[in-house]
Amino acid sequence: MAGDGTLDTVSKWLLVIGGLNWGLTGVGGFIKSDLNIVHMVLKSIPMLENLVYVLVGAAAVLSLVGMFKK
């Protein structure tokens, strides 16, 4: 990601959250448990849960674009 602005900082945190969530979801699959933290926290608000997933995806795209700008 280019620069050290607020958008970059938020994107980095979203990528960390997304990566940890994917990792826990994968581990949960092996032990037959649902370890999707985003779903656990926001399951009563599906639209907000989906928004988190979209924001994590947007952060990944922003990171990808930043890698090719260098």
N, C-alpha and C. Protein backbone atom coordinates (compact mmCIF):
# COMPACT_ATOMS: atom_id res chain seq x y z
N MET A 1 0.83 -1.17 0.00
CA MET A 1 0.00 0.00 0.00
C MET A 1 0.88 1.24 0.00
N ALA A 2 0.51 2.17 -0.79
CA ALA A 2 1.31 3.37 -0.92
C ALA A 2 0.97 4.36 0.18
N GLY A 3 1.98 4.92 0.79
CA GLY A 3 1.76 5.97 1.78
C GLY A 3 1.44 5.44 3.17
N ASP A 4 1.30 6.36 4.08
CA ASP A 4 0.99 6.02 5.46
C ASP A 4 -0.27 6.71 5.94
N GLY A 5 -1.21 6.93 5.02
CA GLY A 5 -2.43 7.64 5.37
C GLY A 5 -3.42 6.79 6.16
N THR A 6 -4.48 7.43 6.55
CA THR A 6 -5.52 6.77 7.32
C THR A 6 -6.13 5.60 6.55
N LEU A 7 -6.37 5.78 5.26
CA LEU A 7 -6.94 4.70 4.44
C LEU A 7 -6.02 3.49 4.44
N ASP A 8 -4.72 3.71 4.35
CA ASP A 8 -3.77 2.60 4.37
C ASP A 8 -3.78 1.89 5.72
N THR A 9 -3.85 2.65 6.79
CA THR A 9 -3.88 2.06 8.13
C THR A 9 -5.13 1.23 8.32
N VAL A 10 -6.28 1.76 7.92
CA VAL A 10 -7.54 1.03 8.03
C VAL A 10 -7.49 -0.23 7.17
N SER A 11 -6.94 -0.11 5.97
CA SER A 11 -6.83 -1.26 5.07
C SER A 11 -5.96 -2.35 5.68
N LYS A 12 -4.85 -1.94 6.29
CA LYS A 12 -3.98 -2.94 6.91
C LYS A 12 -4.69 -3.67 8.05
N TRP A 13 -5.42 -2.94 8.85
CA TRP A 13 -6.16 -3.58 9.95
C TRP A 13 -7.25 -4.51 9.41
N LEU A 14 -7.93 -4.08 8.35
CA LEU A 14 -8.96 -4.94 7.76
C LEU A 14 -8.34 -6.22 7.21
N LEU A 15 -7.15 -6.12 6.61
CA LEU A 15 -6.48 -7.31 6.09
C LEU A 15 -6.06 -8.24 7.23
N VAL A 16 -5.61 -7.69 8.34
CA VAL A 16 -5.26 -8.51 9.50
C VAL A 16 -6.51 -9.21 10.04
N ILE A 17 -7.58 -8.46 10.20
CA ILE A 17 -8.84 -9.04 10.69
C ILE A 17 -9.33 -10.13 9.75
N GLY A 18 -9.30 -9.84 8.45
CA GLY A 18 -9.75 -10.81 7.46
C GLY A 18 -8.89 -12.06 7.45
N GLY A 19 -7.57 -11.87 7.52
CA GLY A 19 -6.66 -13.00 7.52
C GLY A 19 -6.84 -13.88 8.74
N LEU A 20 -6.95 -13.26 9.90
CA LEU A 20 -7.18 -14.04 11.13
C LEU A 20 -8.53 -14.77 11.07
N ASN A 21 -9.53 -14.10 10.55
CA ASN A 21 -10.85 -14.73 10.46
C ASN A 21 -10.81 -15.93 9.53
N TRP A 22 -10.15 -15.78 8.37
CA TRP A 22 -10.03 -16.91 7.43
C TRP A 22 -9.25 -18.05 8.08
N GLY A 23 -8.18 -17.72 8.78
CA GLY A 23 -7.39 -18.76 9.45
C GLY A 23 -8.19 -19.51 10.49
N LEU A 24 -8.92 -18.78 11.31
CA LEU A 24 -9.75 -19.42 12.33
C LEU A 24 -10.88 -20.23 11.71
N THR A 25 -11.45 -19.72 10.63
CA THR A 25 -12.51 -20.45 9.94
C THR A 25 -11.96 -21.77 9.40
N GLY A 26 -10.75 -21.74 8.84
CA GLY A 26 -10.12 -22.96 8.34
C GLY A 26 -9.84 -23.96 9.45
N VAL A 27 -9.29 -23.48 10.56
CA VAL A 27 -9.03 -24.36 11.70
C VAL A 27 -10.35 -24.94 12.21
N GLY A 28 -11.37 -24.11 12.27
CA GLY A 28 -12.69 -24.57 12.70
C GLY A 28 -13.22 -25.69 11.83
N GLY A 29 -12.94 -25.63 10.54
CA GLY A 29 -13.37 -26.70 9.64
C GLY A 29 -12.72 -28.02 9.97
N PHE A 30 -11.45 -27.97 10.38
CA PHE A 30 -10.75 -29.20 10.75
C PHE A 30 -11.27 -29.81 12.04
N ILE A 31 -11.68 -28.96 12.97
CA ILE A 31 -12.14 -29.47 14.27
C ILE A 31 -13.66 -29.49 14.37
N LYS A 32 -14.31 -29.33 13.23
CA LYS A 32 -15.79 -29.38 13.16
C LYS A 32 -16.44 -28.35 14.08
N SER A 33 -15.95 -27.11 14.01
CA SER A 33 -16.49 -26.03 14.82
C SER A 33 -16.53 -24.76 13.97
N ASP A 34 -17.46 -23.87 14.27
CA ASP A 34 -17.55 -22.60 13.56
C ASP A 34 -16.76 -21.55 14.32
N LEU A 35 -15.57 -21.23 13.81
CA LEU A 35 -14.72 -20.23 14.46
C LEU A 35 -14.67 -18.93 13.67
N ASN A 36 -15.71 -18.68 12.87
CA ASN A 36 -15.80 -17.44 12.10
C ASN A 36 -16.16 -16.33 13.08
N ILE A 37 -15.15 -15.56 13.49
CA ILE A 37 -15.34 -14.52 14.51
C ILE A 37 -16.28 -13.42 14.04
N VAL A 38 -16.15 -13.02 12.77
CA VAL A 38 -17.03 -11.97 12.24
C VAL A 38 -18.49 -12.42 12.36
N HIS A 39 -18.75 -13.66 12.00
CA HIS A 39 -20.12 -14.18 12.10
C HIS A 39 -20.56 -14.28 13.56
N MET A 40 -19.67 -14.72 14.44
CA MET A 40 -20.01 -14.84 15.86
C MET A 40 -20.40 -13.48 16.44
N VAL A 41 -19.67 -12.44 16.06
CA VAL A 41 -19.90 -11.12 16.63
C VAL A 41 -21.12 -10.44 16.00
N LEU A 42 -21.30 -10.62 14.69
CA LEU A 42 -22.31 -9.84 13.96
C LEU A 42 -23.47 -10.67 13.40
N LYS A 43 -23.66 -11.91 13.87
CA LYS A 43 -24.67 -12.76 13.26
C LYS A 43 -26.09 -12.21 13.37
N SER A 44 -26.31 -11.39 14.35
CA SER A 44 -27.66 -10.81 14.48
C SER A 44 -27.86 -9.64 13.52
N ILE A 45 -26.80 -9.23 12.83
CA ILE A 45 -26.88 -8.11 11.88
C ILE A 45 -26.21 -8.56 10.58
N PRO A 46 -26.90 -9.39 9.78
CA PRO A 46 -26.28 -9.95 8.57
C PRO A 46 -25.77 -8.90 7.58
N MET A 47 -26.47 -7.78 7.46
CA MET A 47 -26.03 -6.76 6.51
C MET A 47 -24.69 -6.16 6.95
N LEU A 48 -24.49 -5.98 8.25
CA LEU A 48 -23.22 -5.46 8.76
C LEU A 48 -22.11 -6.50 8.59
N GLU A 49 -22.44 -7.76 8.80
CA GLU A 49 -21.48 -8.84 8.57
C GLU A 49 -21.01 -8.83 7.12
N ASN A 50 -21.94 -8.72 6.19
CA ASN A 50 -21.59 -8.66 4.77
C ASN A 50 -20.75 -7.43 4.46
N LEU A 51 -21.05 -6.30 5.11
CA LEU A 51 -20.28 -5.08 4.90
C LEU A 51 -18.83 -5.28 5.33
N VAL A 52 -18.61 -5.97 6.45
CA VAL A 52 -17.25 -6.24 6.89
C VAL A 52 -16.51 -7.05 5.83
N TYR A 53 -17.16 -8.08 5.28
CA TYR A 53 -16.53 -8.90 4.25
C TYR A 53 -16.21 -8.07 3.00
N VAL A 54 -17.10 -7.18 2.61
CA VAL A 54 -16.86 -6.32 1.45
C VAL A 54 -15.69 -5.38 1.72
N LEU A 55 -15.64 -4.82 2.92
CA LEU A 55 -14.53 -3.91 3.27
C LEU A 55 -13.19 -4.63 3.30
N VAL A 56 -13.18 -5.87 3.79
CA VAL A 56 -11.94 -6.66 3.78
C VAL A 56 -11.51 -6.91 2.34
N GLY A 57 -12.46 -7.24 1.47
CA GLY A 57 -12.16 -7.45 0.06
C GLY A 57 -11.64 -6.18 -0.60
N ALA A 58 -12.25 -5.04 -0.28
CA ALA A 58 -11.80 -3.76 -0.83
C ALA A 58 -10.38 -3.45 -0.35
N ALA A 59 -10.08 -3.77 0.91
CA ALA A 59 -8.74 -3.55 1.44
C ALA A 59 -7.73 -4.42 0.69
N ALA A 60 -8.12 -5.63 0.35
CA ALA A 60 -7.23 -6.51 -0.41
C ALA A 60 -6.96 -5.95 -1.81
N VAL A 61 -8.00 -5.43 -2.44
CA VAL A 61 -7.83 -4.83 -3.78
C VAL A 61 -6.93 -3.61 -3.68
N LEU A 62 -7.13 -2.79 -2.68
CA LEU A 62 -6.29 -1.60 -2.49
C LEU A 62 -4.83 -2.01 -2.28
N SER A 63 -4.60 -3.04 -1.52
CA SER A 63 -3.25 -3.54 -1.29
C SER A 63 -2.64 -4.07 -2.59
N LEU A 64 -3.43 -4.80 -3.35
CA LEU A 64 -2.96 -5.34 -4.63
C LEU A 64 -2.58 -4.23 -5.59
N VAL A 65 -3.41 -3.21 -5.69
CA VAL A 65 -3.12 -2.07 -6.56
C VAL A 65 -1.84 -1.38 -6.10
N GLY A 66 -1.68 -1.23 -4.78
CA GLY A 66 -0.48 -0.61 -4.24
C GLY A 66 0.78 -1.38 -4.57
N MET A 67 0.69 -2.70 -4.61
CA MET A 67 1.87 -3.52 -4.94
C MET A 67 2.31 -3.29 -6.38
N PHE A 68 1.36 -3.08 -7.28
CA PHE A 68 1.71 -2.90 -8.70
C PHE A 68 2.14 -1.48 -9.02
N LYS A 69 1.87 -0.53 -8.13
CA LYS A 69 2.29 0.86 -8.34
C LYS A 69 3.76 1.05 -8.04
N LYS A 70 4.37 0.14 -7.30
CA LYS A 70 5.77 0.30 -6.90
C LYS A 70 6.71 0.02 -8.01
